[in-house]
C-alpha atoms as a PDB file:
ATOM      1  CA  MET A   1    -181.547  30.646  50.467  1.00  0.00           C
ATOM      2  CA  GLY A   2    -181.716  26.903  49.817  1.00  0.00           C
ATOM      3  CA  ALA A   3    -179.888  24.919  47.187  1.00  0.00           C
ATOM      4  CA  ARG A   4    -183.050  24.433  45.121  1.00  0.00           C
ATOM      5  CA  GLU A   5    -183.767  28.171  44.952  1.00  0.00           C
ATOM      6  CA  MET A   6    -180.192  28.921  44.087  1.00  0.00           C
ATOM      7  CA  ARG A   7    -180.222  26.435  41.216  1.00  0.00           C
ATOM      8  CA  GLU A   8    -183.222  28.154  39.743  1.00  0.00           C
ATOM      9  CA  GLY A   9    -181.325  31.434  39.938  1.00  0.00           C
ATOM     10  CA  ARG A  10    -178.051  30.134  38.541  1.00  0.00           C
ATOM     11  CA  THR A  11    -177.181  26.468  38.217  1.00  0.00           C
ATOM     12  CA  PHE A  12    -173.702  26.892  39.561  1.00  0.00           C
ATOM     13  CA  TRP A  13    -175.290  27.521  42.983  1.00  0.00           C
ATOM     14  CA  THR A  14    -175.977  23.811  43.196  1.00  0.00           C
ATOM     15  CA  ALA A  15    -174.177  20.537  43.560  1.00  0.00           C
ATOM     16  CA  MET A  16    -175.479  19.269  40.208  1.00  0.00           C
ATOM     17  CA  ILE A  17    -172.344  18.152  38.435  1.00  0.00           C
ATOM     18  CA  LEU A  18    -173.192  15.009  36.518  1.00  0.00           C
ATOM     19  CA  GLY A  19    -169.663  14.095  35.520  1.00  0.00           C
ATOM     20  CA  LEU A  20    -166.971  16.479  34.459  1.00  0.00           C
ATOM     21  CA  VAL A  21    -165.487  15.827  31.038  1.00  0.00           C
ATOM     22  CA  LEU A  22    -162.218  17.462  30.079  1.00  0.00           C
ATOM     23  CA  ALA A  23    -162.515  17.750  26.318  1.00  0.00           C
ATOM     24  CA  LEU A  24    -159.109  18.663  25.005  1.00  0.00           C
ATOM     25  CA  GLY A  25    -158.999  20.503  21.758  1.00  0.00           C
ATOM     26  CA  SER A  26    -157.954  23.676  20.034  1.00  0.00           C
ATOM     27  CA  GLY A  27    -158.663  25.469  16.833  1.00  0.00           C
ATOM     28  CA  SER A  28    -157.880  28.504  14.778  1.00  0.00           C
ATOM     29  CA  GLN A  29    -160.372  31.010  13.538  1.00  0.00           C
ATOM     30  CA  ALA A  30    -160.627  31.491   9.822  1.00  0.00           C
ATOM     31  CA  ALA A  31    -160.092  35.164   9.084  1.00  0.00           C
ATOM     32  CA  GLU A  32    -163.281  35.449   7.047  1.00  0.00           C
ATOM     33  CA  ALA A  33    -165.555  33.644   9.524  1.00  0.00           C
ATOM     34  CA  SER A  34    -166.979  35.821  12.251  1.00  0.00           C
ATOM     35  CA  PRO A  35    -168.233  36.602  14.753  1.00  0.00           C
ATOM     36  CA  PHE A  36    -167.321  33.619  16.877  1.00  0.00           C
ATOM     37  CA  ALA A  37    -169.508  32.693  19.837  1.00  0.00           C
ATOM     38  CA  TYR A  38    -167.790  31.579  23.050  1.00  0.00           C
ATOM     39  CA  VAL A  39    -169.956  29.294  25.190  1.00  0.00           C
ATOM     40  CA  PRO A  40    -168.792  28.160  28.680  1.00  0.00           C
ATOM     41  CA  ASN A  41    -169.949  24.604  29.389  1.00  0.00           C
ATOM     42  CA  GLY A  42    -170.362  24.353  33.152  1.00  0.00           C
ATOM     43  CA  ALA A  43    -170.313  20.576  33.489  1.00  0.00           C
ATOM     44  CA  SER A  44    -167.632  19.974  30.842  1.00  0.00           C
ATOM     45  CA  ASP A  45    -165.039  22.437  32.174  1.00  0.00           C
ATOM     46  CA  ASN A  46    -164.504  23.857  28.719  1.00  0.00           C
ATOM     47  CA  VAL A  47    -165.611  26.505  26.253  1.00  0.00           C
ATOM     48  CA  SER A  48    -167.165  25.727  22.878  1.00  0.00           C
ATOM     49  CA  VAL A  49    -166.293  28.110  20.049  1.00  0.00           C
ATOM     50  CA  ILE A  50    -169.002  28.446  17.406  1.00  0.00           C
ATOM     51  CA  ASP A  51    -168.281  29.801  13.944  1.00  0.00           C
ATOM     52  CA  THR A  52    -171.479  31.771  13.378  1.00  0.00           C
ATOM     53  CA  GLY A  53    -170.542  32.394   9.763  1.00  0.00           C
ATOM     54  CA  ALA A  54    -170.565  28.704   8.888  1.00  0.00           C
ATOM     55  CA  VAL A  55    -173.634  27.212   7.230  1.00  0.00           C
ATOM     56  CA  PRO A  56    -174.967  25.901   9.460  1.00  0.00           C
ATOM     57  CA  PRO A  57    -173.143  27.454  12.457  1.00  0.00           C
ATOM     58  CA  ALA A  58    -170.911  24.843  14.087  1.00  0.00           C
ATOM     59  CA  VAL A  59    -168.397  24.313  16.879  1.00  0.00           C
ATOM     60  CA  VAL A  60    -164.862  24.737  15.557  1.00  0.00           C
ATOM     61  CA  ALA A  61    -162.863  24.567  18.803  1.00  0.00           C
ATOM     62  CA  ILE A  62    -163.140  23.297  22.369  1.00  0.00           C
ATOM     63  CA  ILE A  63    -160.978  25.074  24.946  1.00  0.00           C
ATOM     64  CA  PRO A  64    -160.293  23.525  28.375  1.00  0.00           C
ATOM     65  CA  VAL A  65    -160.640  26.047  31.206  1.00  0.00           C
ATOM     66  CA  GLY A  66    -161.203  25.813  34.974  1.00  0.00           C
ATOM     67  CA  THR A  67    -163.875  24.029  36.972  1.00  0.00           C
ATOM     68  CA  ARG A  68    -167.508  24.927  36.316  1.00  0.00           C
ATOM     69  CA  PRO A  69    -167.131  27.850  33.892  1.00  0.00           C
ATOM     70  CA  SER A  70    -170.219  30.027  34.189  1.00  0.00           C
ATOM     71  CA  GLY A  71    -169.702  33.397  32.543  1.00  0.00           C
ATOM     72  CA  VAL A  72    -167.830  34.996  29.663  1.00  0.00           C
ATOM     73  CA  ALA A  73    -166.954  38.537  28.603  1.00  0.00           C
ATOM     74  CA  VAL A  74    -165.086  39.458  25.430  1.00  0.00           C
ATOM     75  CA  THR A  75    -162.921  42.548  25.029  1.00  0.00           C
ATOM     76  CA  PRO A  76    -164.282  45.194  22.630  1.00  0.00           C
ATOM     77  CA  ASP A  77    -161.534  44.441  20.101  1.00  0.00           C
ATOM     78  CA  GLY A  78    -162.461  40.754  20.179  1.00  0.00           C
ATOM     79  CA  THR A  79    -158.941  39.566  20.999  1.00  0.00           C
ATOM     80  CA  ARG A  80    -159.590  38.069  24.445  1.00  0.00           C
ATOM     81  CA  ALA A  81    -162.381  36.241  26.223  1.00  0.00           C
ATOM     82  CA  TYR A  82    -162.565  36.245  30.022  1.00  0.00           C
ATOM     83  CA  VAL A  83    -164.210  33.119  31.432  1.00  0.00           C
ATOM     84  CA  THR A  84    -165.232  32.850  35.084  1.00  0.00           C
ATOM     85  CA  ASN A  85    -164.532  29.438  36.659  1.00  0.00           C
ATOM     86  CA  PHE A  86    -167.017  29.127  39.503  1.00  0.00           C
ATOM     87  CA  PHE A  87    -165.402  26.306  41.480  1.00  0.00           C
ATOM     88  CA  SER A  88    -161.771  27.119  40.611  1.00  0.00           C
ATOM     89  CA  ASN A  89    -162.057  30.697  41.917  1.00  0.00           C
ATOM     90  CA  THR A  90    -160.245  31.823  38.785  1.00  0.00           C
ATOM     91  CA  VAL A  91    -160.755  33.560  35.460  1.00  0.00           C
ATOM     92  CA  SER A  92    -159.325  31.968  32.312  1.00  0.00           C
ATOM     93  CA  VAL A  93    -158.101  34.405  29.664  1.00  0.00           C
ATOM     94  CA  ILE A  94    -158.526  33.071  26.124  1.00  0.00           C
ATOM     95  CA  ASP A  95    -156.574  34.413  23.160  1.00  0.00           C
ATOM     96  CA  THR A  96    -159.234  34.336  20.451  1.00  0.00           C
ATOM     97  CA  ALA A  97    -156.673  34.205  17.633  1.00  0.00           C
ATOM     98  CA  SER A  98    -155.275  30.861  18.815  1.00  0.00           C
ATOM     99  CA  ASN A  99    -158.226  29.738  20.967  1.00  0.00           C
ATOM    100  CA  THR A 100    -155.900  28.892  23.841  1.00  0.00           C
ATOM    101  CA  VAL A 101    -155.790  29.968  27.476  1.00  0.00           C
ATOM    102  CA  THR A 102    -152.896  32.400  27.879  1.00  0.00           C
ATOM    103  CA  ALA A 103    -153.425  33.434  31.506  1.00  0.00           C
ATOM    104  CA  THR A 104    -155.306  32.376  34.631  1.00  0.00           C
ATOM    105  CA  VAL A 105    -156.219  35.011  37.209  1.00  0.00           C
ATOM    106  CA  SER A 106    -157.157  34.140  40.806  1.00  0.00           C
ATOM    107  CA  VAL A 107    -160.135  36.144  42.025  1.00  0.00           C
ATOM    108  CA  GLY A 108    -162.661  35.805  44.866  1.00  0.00           C
ATOM    109  CA  THR A 109    -164.802  32.880  45.919  1.00  0.00           C
ATOM    110  CA  HIS A 110    -167.095  31.457  43.244  1.00  0.00           C
ATOM    111  CA  PRO A 111    -166.704  33.981  40.433  1.00  0.00           C
ATOM    112  CA  ASN A 112    -169.969  34.234  38.572  1.00  0.00           C
ATOM    113  CA  GLN A 113    -170.105  36.720  35.714  1.00  0.00           C
ATOM    114  CA  ALA A 114    -167.780  39.253  34.088  1.00  0.00           C
ATOM    115  CA  ALA A 115    -167.952  42.464  32.070  1.00  0.00           C
ATOM    116  CA  VAL A 116    -165.190  44.355  30.264  1.00  0.00           C
ATOM    117  CA  THR A 117    -165.087  48.152  30.174  1.00  0.00           C
ATOM    118  CA  PRO A 118    -165.752  49.816  26.791  1.00  0.00           C
ATOM    119  CA  ASP A 119    -162.114  50.924  26.566  1.00  0.00           C
ATOM    120  CA  GLY A 120    -161.020  47.311  27.032  1.00  0.00           C
ATOM    121  CA  LYS A 121    -158.731  48.124  29.960  1.00  0.00           C
ATOM    122  CA  ARG A 122    -160.444  46.335  32.842  1.00  0.00           C
ATOM    123  CA  ALA A 123    -162.649  43.331  33.512  1.00  0.00           C
ATOM    124  CA  TYR A 124    -165.087  43.347  36.447  1.00  0.00           C
ATOM    125  CA  VAL A 125    -165.850  39.932  37.974  1.00  0.00           C
ATOM    126  CA  THR A 126    -168.587  39.167  40.499  1.00  0.00           C
ATOM    127  CA  ASN A 127    -167.548  36.840  43.334  1.00  0.00           C
ATOM    128  CA  THR A 128    -170.739  35.165  44.521  1.00  0.00           C
ATOM    129  CA  ASP A 129    -169.575  33.875  47.890  1.00  0.00           C
ATOM    130  CA  SER A 130    -167.134  36.707  48.621  1.00  0.00           C
ATOM    131  CA  ASN A 131    -169.840  39.338  48.160  1.00  0.00           C
ATOM    132  CA  SER A 132    -167.377  41.340  46.116  1.00  0.00           C
ATOM    133  CA  VAL A 133    -166.229  42.354  42.655  1.00  0.00           C
ATOM    134  CA  SER A 134    -162.665  41.758  41.475  1.00  0.00           C
ATOM    135  CA  VAL A 135    -161.104  44.135  38.951  1.00  0.00           C
ATOM    136  CA  ILE A 136    -158.639  42.683  36.442  1.00  0.00           C
ATOM    137  CA  ASP A 137    -156.158  44.871  34.563  1.00  0.00           C
ATOM    138  CA  VAL A 138    -156.481  43.528  31.021  1.00  0.00           C
ATOM    139  CA  ALA A 139    -153.015  44.658  29.922  1.00  0.00           C
ATOM    140  CA  SER A 140    -151.245  42.637  32.627  1.00  0.00           C
ATOM    141  CA  ASN A 141    -154.001  40.167  33.619  1.00  0.00           C
ATOM    142  CA  THR A 142    -153.418  40.967  37.265  1.00  0.00           C
ATOM    143  CA  LEU A 143    -155.808  42.295  39.891  1.00  0.00           C
ATOM    144  CA  ASP A 144    -155.985  46.056  39.568  1.00  0.00           C
ATOM    145  CA  ASP A 145    -157.339  46.867  43.047  1.00  0.00           C
ATOM    146  CA  PRO A 146    -158.552  45.072  46.157  1.00  0.00           C
ATOM    147  CA  PRO A 147    -161.985  43.469  45.663  1.00  0.00           C
ATOM    148  CA  ILE A 148    -164.888  45.904  45.878  1.00  0.00           C
ATOM    149  CA  PRO A 149    -167.468  44.969  48.556  1.00  0.00           C
ATOM    150  CA  VAL A 150    -171.004  44.795  47.193  1.00  0.00           C
ATOM    151  CA  GLY A 151    -174.235  43.113  48.301  1.00  0.00           C
ATOM    152  CA  ALA A 152    -174.905  39.446  48.993  1.00  0.00           C
ATOM    153  CA  PHE A 153    -174.475  36.854  46.231  1.00  0.00           C
ATOM    154  CA  PRO A 154    -173.560  39.173  43.340  1.00  0.00           C
ATOM    155  CA  ALA A 155    -174.395  37.615  39.988  1.00  0.00           C
ATOM    156  CA  GLY A 156    -174.714  39.664  36.816  1.00  0.00           C
ATOM    157  CA  VAL A 157    -172.626  42.756  36.087  1.00  0.00           C
ATOM    158  CA  ALA A 158    -172.911  45.342  33.309  1.00  0.00           C
ATOM    159  CA  ILE A 159    -170.967  48.514  32.552  1.00  0.00           C
ATOM    160  CA  THR A 160    -172.366  51.750  31.160  1.00  0.00           C
ATOM    161  CA  PRO A 161    -171.292  52.688  27.614  1.00  0.00           C
ATOM    162  CA  ASP A 162    -169.207  55.585  28.948  1.00  0.00           C
ATOM    163  CA  GLY A 163    -167.408  53.214  31.301  1.00  0.00           C
ATOM    164  CA  ALA A 164    -168.205  55.349  34.341  1.00  0.00           C
ATOM    165  CA  ARG A 165    -170.390  52.909  36.262  1.00  0.00           C
ATOM    166  CA  ALA A 166    -170.713  49.160  36.804  1.00  0.00           C
ATOM    167  CA  TYR A 167    -174.114  47.805  37.849  1.00  0.00           C
ATOM    168  CA  VAL A 168    -174.115  44.605  39.901  1.00  0.00           C
ATOM    169  CA  ALA A 169    -177.128  42.365  40.583  1.00  0.00           C
ATOM    170  CA  ASP A 170    -176.961  41.351  44.259  1.00  0.00           C
ATOM    171  CA  GLY A 171    -178.982  38.147  44.194  1.00  0.00           C
ATOM    172  CA  ARG A 172    -179.643  37.568  47.854  1.00  0.00           C
ATOM    173  CA  ASP A 173    -180.378  41.222  48.614  1.00  0.00           C
ATOM    174  CA  GLY A 174    -182.883  41.786  45.844  1.00  0.00           C
ATOM    175  CA  ALA A 175    -180.945  44.890  44.896  1.00  0.00           C
ATOM    176  CA  VAL A 176    -178.411  46.408  42.515  1.00  0.00           C
ATOM    177  CA  SER A 177    -175.108  47.963  43.626  1.00  0.00           C
ATOM    178  CA  VAL A 178    -173.585  50.785  41.578  1.00  0.00           C
ATOM    179  CA  ILE A 179    -169.789  51.004  41.321  1.00  0.00           C
ATOM    180  CA  ASP A 180    -167.947  54.184  40.359  1.00  0.00           C
ATOM    181  CA  THR A 181    -165.241  52.737  38.090  1.00  0.00           C
ATOM    182  CA  ALA A 182    -162.910  55.730  38.543  1.00  0.00           C
ATOM    183  CA  ALA A 183    -162.740  55.163  42.300  1.00  0.00           C
ATOM    184  CA  ASN A 184    -163.689  51.457  42.220  1.00  0.00           C
ATOM    185  CA  MET A 185    -166.127  51.852  45.069  1.00  0.00           C
ATOM    186  CA  VAL A 186    -169.878  51.544  45.520  1.00  0.00           C
ATOM    187  CA  VAL A 187    -171.706  54.856  45.335  1.00  0.00           C
ATOM    188  CA  GLY A 188    -175.178  55.578  46.636  1.00  0.00           C
ATOM    189  CA  PRO A 189    -177.576  53.179  48.323  1.00  0.00           C
ATOM    190  CA  PRO A 190    -178.491  49.816  46.746  1.00  0.00           C
ATOM    191  CA  ILE A 191    -181.335  50.006  44.245  1.00  0.00           C
ATOM    192  CA  ALA A 192    -184.181  47.733  45.332  1.00  0.00           C
ATOM    193  CA  VAL A 193    -185.463  45.516  42.521  1.00  0.00           C
ATOM    194  CA  GLY A 194    -187.271  42.157  42.541  1.00  0.00           C
ATOM    195  CA  LYS A 195    -186.462  38.875  44.208  1.00  0.00           C
ATOM    196  CA  LEU A 196    -183.220  37.099  43.282  1.00  0.00           C
ATOM    197  CA  PRO A 197    -181.865  39.397  40.555  1.00  0.00           C
ATOM    198  CA  ILE A 198    -179.271  37.567  38.473  1.00  0.00           C
ATOM    199  CA  GLY A 199    -179.089  39.020  34.966  1.00  0.00           C
ATOM    200  CA  ILE A 200    -178.392  42.620  33.997  1.00  0.00           C
ATOM    201  CA  ALA A 201    -177.800  44.604  30.810  1.00  0.00           C
ATOM    202  CA  ILE A 202    -177.576  48.289  29.955  1.00  0.00           C
ATOM    203  CA  SER A 203    -179.097  49.969  26.908  1.00  0.00           C
ATOM    204  CA  PRO A 204    -176.653  51.119  24.215  1.00  0.00           C
ATOM    205  CA  ASN A 205    -177.471  54.773  24.930  1.00  0.00           C
ATOM    206  CA  GLY A 206    -176.695  54.308  28.629  1.00  0.00           C
ATOM    207  CA  ALA A 207    -180.115  55.491  29.758  1.00  0.00           C
ATOM    208  CA  ARG A 208    -181.541  52.292  31.257  1.00  0.00           C
ATOM    209  CA  ALA A 209    -180.428  49.165  33.086  1.00  0.00           C
ATOM    210  CA  PHE A 210    -182.537  46.021  32.755  1.00  0.00           C
ATOM    211  CA  VAL A 211    -182.436  43.560  35.653  1.00  0.00           C
ATOM    212  CA  VAL A 212    -183.859  40.031  35.470  1.00  0.00           C
ATOM    213  CA  ASN A 213    -185.372  38.978  38.793  1.00  0.00           C
ATOM    214  CA  ASN A 214    -185.400  35.197  38.799  1.00  0.00           C
ATOM    215  CA  GLY A 215    -187.379  34.881  42.016  1.00  0.00           C
ATOM    216  CA  SER A 216    -190.038  37.389  40.968  1.00  0.00           C
ATOM    217  CA  ARG A 217    -190.146  36.383  37.290  1.00  0.00           C
ATOM    218  CA  THR A 218    -189.925  40.047  36.356  1.00  0.00           C
ATOM    219  CA  VAL A 219    -187.581  42.545  34.729  1.00  0.00           C
ATOM    220  CA  SER A 220    -186.866  45.787  36.593  1.00  0.00           C
ATOM    221  CA  VAL A 221    -186.077  48.839  34.464  1.00  0.00           C
ATOM    222  CA  ILE A 222    -183.697  51.296  36.138  1.00  0.00           C
ATOM    223  CA  ASP A 223    -183.323  54.891  35.002  1.00  0.00           C
ATOM    224  CA  ILE A 224    -179.568  55.422  35.194  1.00  0.00           C
ATOM    225  CA  ALA A 225    -179.803  59.200  35.609  1.00  0.00           C
ATOM    226  CA  SER A 226    -181.784  58.820  38.832  1.00  0.00           C
ATOM    227  CA  ASN A 227    -180.918  55.211  39.751  1.00  0.00           C
ATOM    228  CA  ALA A 228    -184.600  54.570  40.330  1.00  0.00           C
ATOM    229  CA  VAL A 229    -186.809  51.743  39.058  1.00  0.00           C
ATOM    230  CA  VAL A 230    -189.189  53.279  36.525  1.00  0.00           C
ATOM    231  CA  ALA A 231    -190.926  50.152  35.227  1.00  0.00           C
ATOM    232  CA  THR A 232    -191.408  46.463  35.961  1.00  0.00           C
ATOM    233  CA  VAL A 233    -192.081  44.016  33.137  1.00  0.00           C
ATOM    234  CA  ALA A 234    -193.619  40.590  33.698  1.00  0.00           C
ATOM    235  CA  GLY A 235    -191.583  37.553  32.667  1.00  0.00           C
ATOM    236  CA  GLY A 236    -187.956  36.619  32.969  1.00  0.00           C
ATOM    237  CA  GLY A 237    -185.974  34.047  34.860  1.00  0.00           C
ATOM    238  CA  GLY A 238    -182.427  34.069  33.536  1.00  0.00           C
ATOM    239  CA  GLU A 239    -180.291  36.532  31.615  1.00  0.00           C
ATOM    240  CA  VAL A 240    -180.926  39.499  29.330  1.00  0.00           C
ATOM    241  CA  ALA A 241    -179.362  40.917  26.146  1.00  0.00           C
ATOM    242  CA  ILE A 242    -180.250  44.090  24.259  1.00  0.00           C
ATOM    243  CA  THR A 243    -180.114  44.660  20.511  1.00  0.00           C
ATOM    244  CA  PRO A 244    -177.506  47.150  19.262  1.00  0.00           C
ATOM    245  CA  ASP A 245    -180.230  49.588  18.185  1.00  0.00           C
ATOM    246  CA  GLY A 246    -181.634  49.572  21.732  1.00  0.00           C
ATOM    247  CA  LYS A 247    -185.144  48.689  20.597  1.00  0.00           C
ATOM    248  CA  ARG A 248    -185.562  45.222  22.101  1.00  0.00           C
ATOM    249  CA  ALA A 249    -184.400  43.073  24.979  1.00  0.00           C
ATOM    250  CA  TYR A 250    -184.245  39.291  24.836  1.00  0.00           C
ATOM    251  CA  VAL A 251    -184.753  37.604  28.211  1.00  0.00           C
ATOM    252  CA  THR A 252    -184.325  33.904  28.945  1.00  0.00           C
ATOM    253  CA  ASN A 253    -187.071  32.221  30.958  1.00  0.00           C
ATOM    254  CA  SER A 254    -185.332  29.172  32.384  1.00  0.00           C
ATOM    255  CA  PRO A 255    -188.365  27.463  33.955  1.00  0.00           C
ATOM    256  CA  SER A 256    -190.597  27.877  30.875  1.00  0.00           C
ATOM    257  CA  ASN A 257    -187.968  27.008  28.221  1.00  0.00           C
ATOM    258  CA  SER A 258    -188.562  30.228  26.334  1.00  0.00           C
ATOM    259  CA  VAL A 259    -187.190  33.671  25.514  1.00  0.00           C
ATOM    260  CA  SER A 260    -189.265  36.803  26.045  1.00  0.00           C
ATOM    261  CA  VAL A 261    -188.931  39.709  23.618  1.00  0.00           C
ATOM    262  CA  ILE A 262    -189.447  43.085  25.286  1.00  0.00           C
ATOM    263  CA  GLU A 263    -190.178  46.153  23.163  1.00  0.00           C
ATOM    264  CA  LEU A 264    -188.246  48.773  25.095  1.00  0.00           C
ATOM    265  CA  ALA A 265    -190.115  51.837  23.872  1.00  0.00           C
ATOM    266  CA  ALA A 266    -193.212  50.643  25.718  1.00  0.00           C
ATOM    267  CA  ASN A 267    -191.616  48.101  28.087  1.00  0.00           C
ATOM    268  CA  ILE A 268    -194.021  45.372  27.026  1.00  0.00           C
ATOM    269  CA  VAL A 269    -193.488  41.716  26.121  1.00  0.00           C
ATOM    270  CA  ALA A 270    -194.125  41.464  22.395  1.00  0.00           C
ATOM    271  CA  ALA A 271    -193.316  37.785  21.859  1.00  0.00           C
ATOM    272  CA  SER A 272    -192.370  34.562  23.589  1.00  0.00           C
ATOM    273  CA  ILE A 273    -190.083  32.223  21.664  1.00  0.00           C
ATOM    274  CA  PRO A 274    -189.791  28.507  22.572  1.00  0.00           C
ATOM    275  CA  VAL A 275    -186.168  27.348  22.750  1.00  0.00           C
ATOM    276  CA  GLY A 276    -184.349  24.450  24.418  1.00  0.00           C
ATOM    277  CA  SER A 277    -184.493  23.164  27.962  1.00  0.00           C
ATOM    278  CA  PHE A 278    -183.586  25.580  30.783  1.00  0.00           C
ATOM    279  CA  PRO A 279    -182.208  28.489  28.722  1.00  0.00           C
ATOM    280  CA  THR A 280    -179.749  30.605  30.658  1.00  0.00           C
ATOM    281  CA  GLY A 281    -177.200  32.722  28.780  1.00  0.00           C
ATOM    282  CA  VAL A 282    -178.222  34.958  25.893  1.00  0.00           C
ATOM    283  CA  ALA A 283    -176.359  37.315  23.562  1.00  0.00           C
ATOM    284  CA  VAL A 284    -177.130  39.308  20.419  1.00  0.00           C
ATOM    285  CA  THR A 285    -174.734  39.245  17.475  1.00  0.00           C
ATOM    286  CA  PRO A 286    -172.931  42.540  16.817  1.00  0.00           C
ATOM    287  CA  ASP A 287    -175.070  43.189  13.725  1.00  0.00           C
ATOM    288  CA  GLY A 288    -178.287  42.586  15.683  1.00  0.00           C
ATOM    289  CA  ALA A 289    -179.509  39.926  13.255  1.00  0.00           C
ATOM    290  CA  ARG A 290    -179.317  36.880  15.526  1.00  0.00           C
ATOM    291  CA  VAL A 291    -179.734  35.949  19.185  1.00  0.00           C
ATOM    292  CA  TYR A 292    -177.811  32.982  20.574  1.00  0.00           C
ATOM    293  CA  VAL A 293    -179.324  31.190  23.583  1.00  0.00           C
ATOM    294  CA  ALA A 294    -177.475  28.690  25.788  1.00  0.00           C
ATOM    295  CA  ASN A 295    -179.851  25.874  26.780  1.00  0.00           C
ATOM    296  CA  LEU A 296    -178.342  24.413  29.927  1.00  0.00           C
ATOM    297  CA  SER A 297    -180.323  21.193  30.159  1.00  0.00           C
ATOM    298  CA  SER A 298    -180.370  20.535  26.396  1.00  0.00           C
ATOM    299  CA  ASN A 299    -176.595  20.916  26.024  1.00  0.00           C
ATOM    300  CA  ASN A 300    -177.078  23.070  22.951  1.00  0.00           C
ATOM    301  CA  VAL A 301    -177.507  26.606  21.627  1.00  0.00           C
ATOM    302  CA  SER A 302    -180.612  27.933  19.879  1.00  0.00           C
ATOM    303  CA  VAL A 303    -180.363  30.680  17.256  1.00  0.00           C
ATOM    304  CA  ILE A 304    -183.154  33.260  16.926  1.00  0.00           C
ATOM    305  CA  ASP A 305    -183.707  35.415  13.847  1.00  0.00           C
ATOM    306  CA  THR A 306    -184.498  38.907  15.186  1.00  0.00           C
ATOM    307  CA  ALA A 307    -186.400  39.837  12.015  1.00  0.00           C
ATOM    308  CA  THR A 308    -189.005  37.124  12.603  1.00  0.00           C
ATOM    309  CA  ASN A 309    -188.458  36.385  16.312  1.00  0.00           C
ATOM    310  CA  SER A 310    -188.341  32.685  15.573  1.00  0.00           C
ATOM    311  CA  VAL A 311    -185.745  29.951  16.005  1.00  0.00           C
ATOM    312  CA  ILE A 312    -183.896  29.134  12.818  1.00  0.00           C
ATOM    313  CA  GLY A 313    -182.085  25.909  11.989  1.00  0.00           C
ATOM    314  CA  SER A 314    -181.334  23.079  14.377  1.00  0.00           C
ATOM    315  CA  PRO A 315    -179.859  23.681  17.843  1.00  0.00           C
ATOM    316  CA  ILE A 316    -176.060  23.698  17.873  1.00  0.00           C
ATOM    317  CA  PRO A 317    -174.654  20.898  20.077  1.00  0.00           C
ATOM    318  CA  VAL A 318    -172.056  22.118  22.594  1.00  0.00           C
ATOM    319  CA  GLY A 319    -170.702  20.743  25.890  1.00  0.00           C
ATOM    320  CA  LYS A 320    -172.572  19.845  29.060  1.00  0.00           C
ATOM    321  CA  SER A 321    -174.557  22.592  30.788  1.00  0.00           C
ATOM    322  CA  PRO A 322    -173.822  25.656  28.628  1.00  0.00           C
ATOM    323  CA  GLU A 323    -174.393  28.745  30.748  1.00  0.00           C
ATOM    324  CA  ALA A 324    -173.451  31.863  28.787  1.00  0.00           C
ATOM    325  CA  VAL A 325    -172.625  33.279  25.364  1.00  0.00           C
ATOM    326  CA  GLY A 326    -170.116  35.939  24.338  1.00  0.00           C
ATOM    327  CA  PHE A 327    -169.163  37.150  20.864  1.00  0.00           C
ATOM    328  CA  ALA A 328    -165.747  37.978  19.464  1.00  0.00           C
ATOM    329  CA  ALA A 329    -166.268  40.444  16.635  1.00  0.00           C
ATOM    330  CA  PRO A 330    -164.341  39.983  13.408  1.00  0.00           C
ATOM    331  CA  SER A 331    -160.828  41.321  13.271  1.00  0.00           C
ATOM    332  CA  LYS A 332    -160.399  44.340  11.034  1.00  0.00           C
END
């Protein structure tokens, strides 16, 4: 796999760092404003925090993290955000109340993406060049077990709603590894999908996994009960997020600067929404009303209204090369 192909899959697989800017800053979340969106900026070495309740939504804090942050996962209670630092081989742990880094965890080589279990006890981190997954104990922010060997160039990771399985997109293998989270080991053979899978999400009912194949420009639909691919949908070239009601998936198409909307009942593309340049990360707000899209080459975030499937307002400026989006739900 050459550098050009890897960039198209995920930009952190390249040497494109235009100039790293350490933007120092901190902020506090207003109790009434939520959810907050956490956006890792790969070429700024920081995380932008967007108050989605502001009118218009705006960045309210900038948090320095490690080198080339690429992924983010927020605990279910919204109190911590785990940010993977691709070139630092670390994960920064952000306290969302103070918007400061309170711990740094060393993991494998080139950590890519992360996912937190539904009970909030563990974070699973894909290590792209170690071909492994690190498991972080959230209570202590230490490694829970030795890294779990998976396929080549693991990228996206998603955990089933019952917390029993973690699904890992093995980019170079064109496959998905399935981890039993009780034993922290891979179970069963790899599930063959398309070329260069990088993004993955699981439906809220735990019945399906959706895998974005960047090299094939398709989305593979895996039946979790059988771990077999039951459908392939055209389109896709980045990441995927599913609405809380499980009816639609939003998939970034990095090369075409758009987001595909897949109706999951029929597994068909119902709409294509133009966004910024080279969209990568995507996430749906907890209420399902909005989709936030990180546009890597535009250095901004587009907001989609899920009722109309159209972009609303102006793009939100963030740092350089935003790569992912994660939401911290309001405190109760």
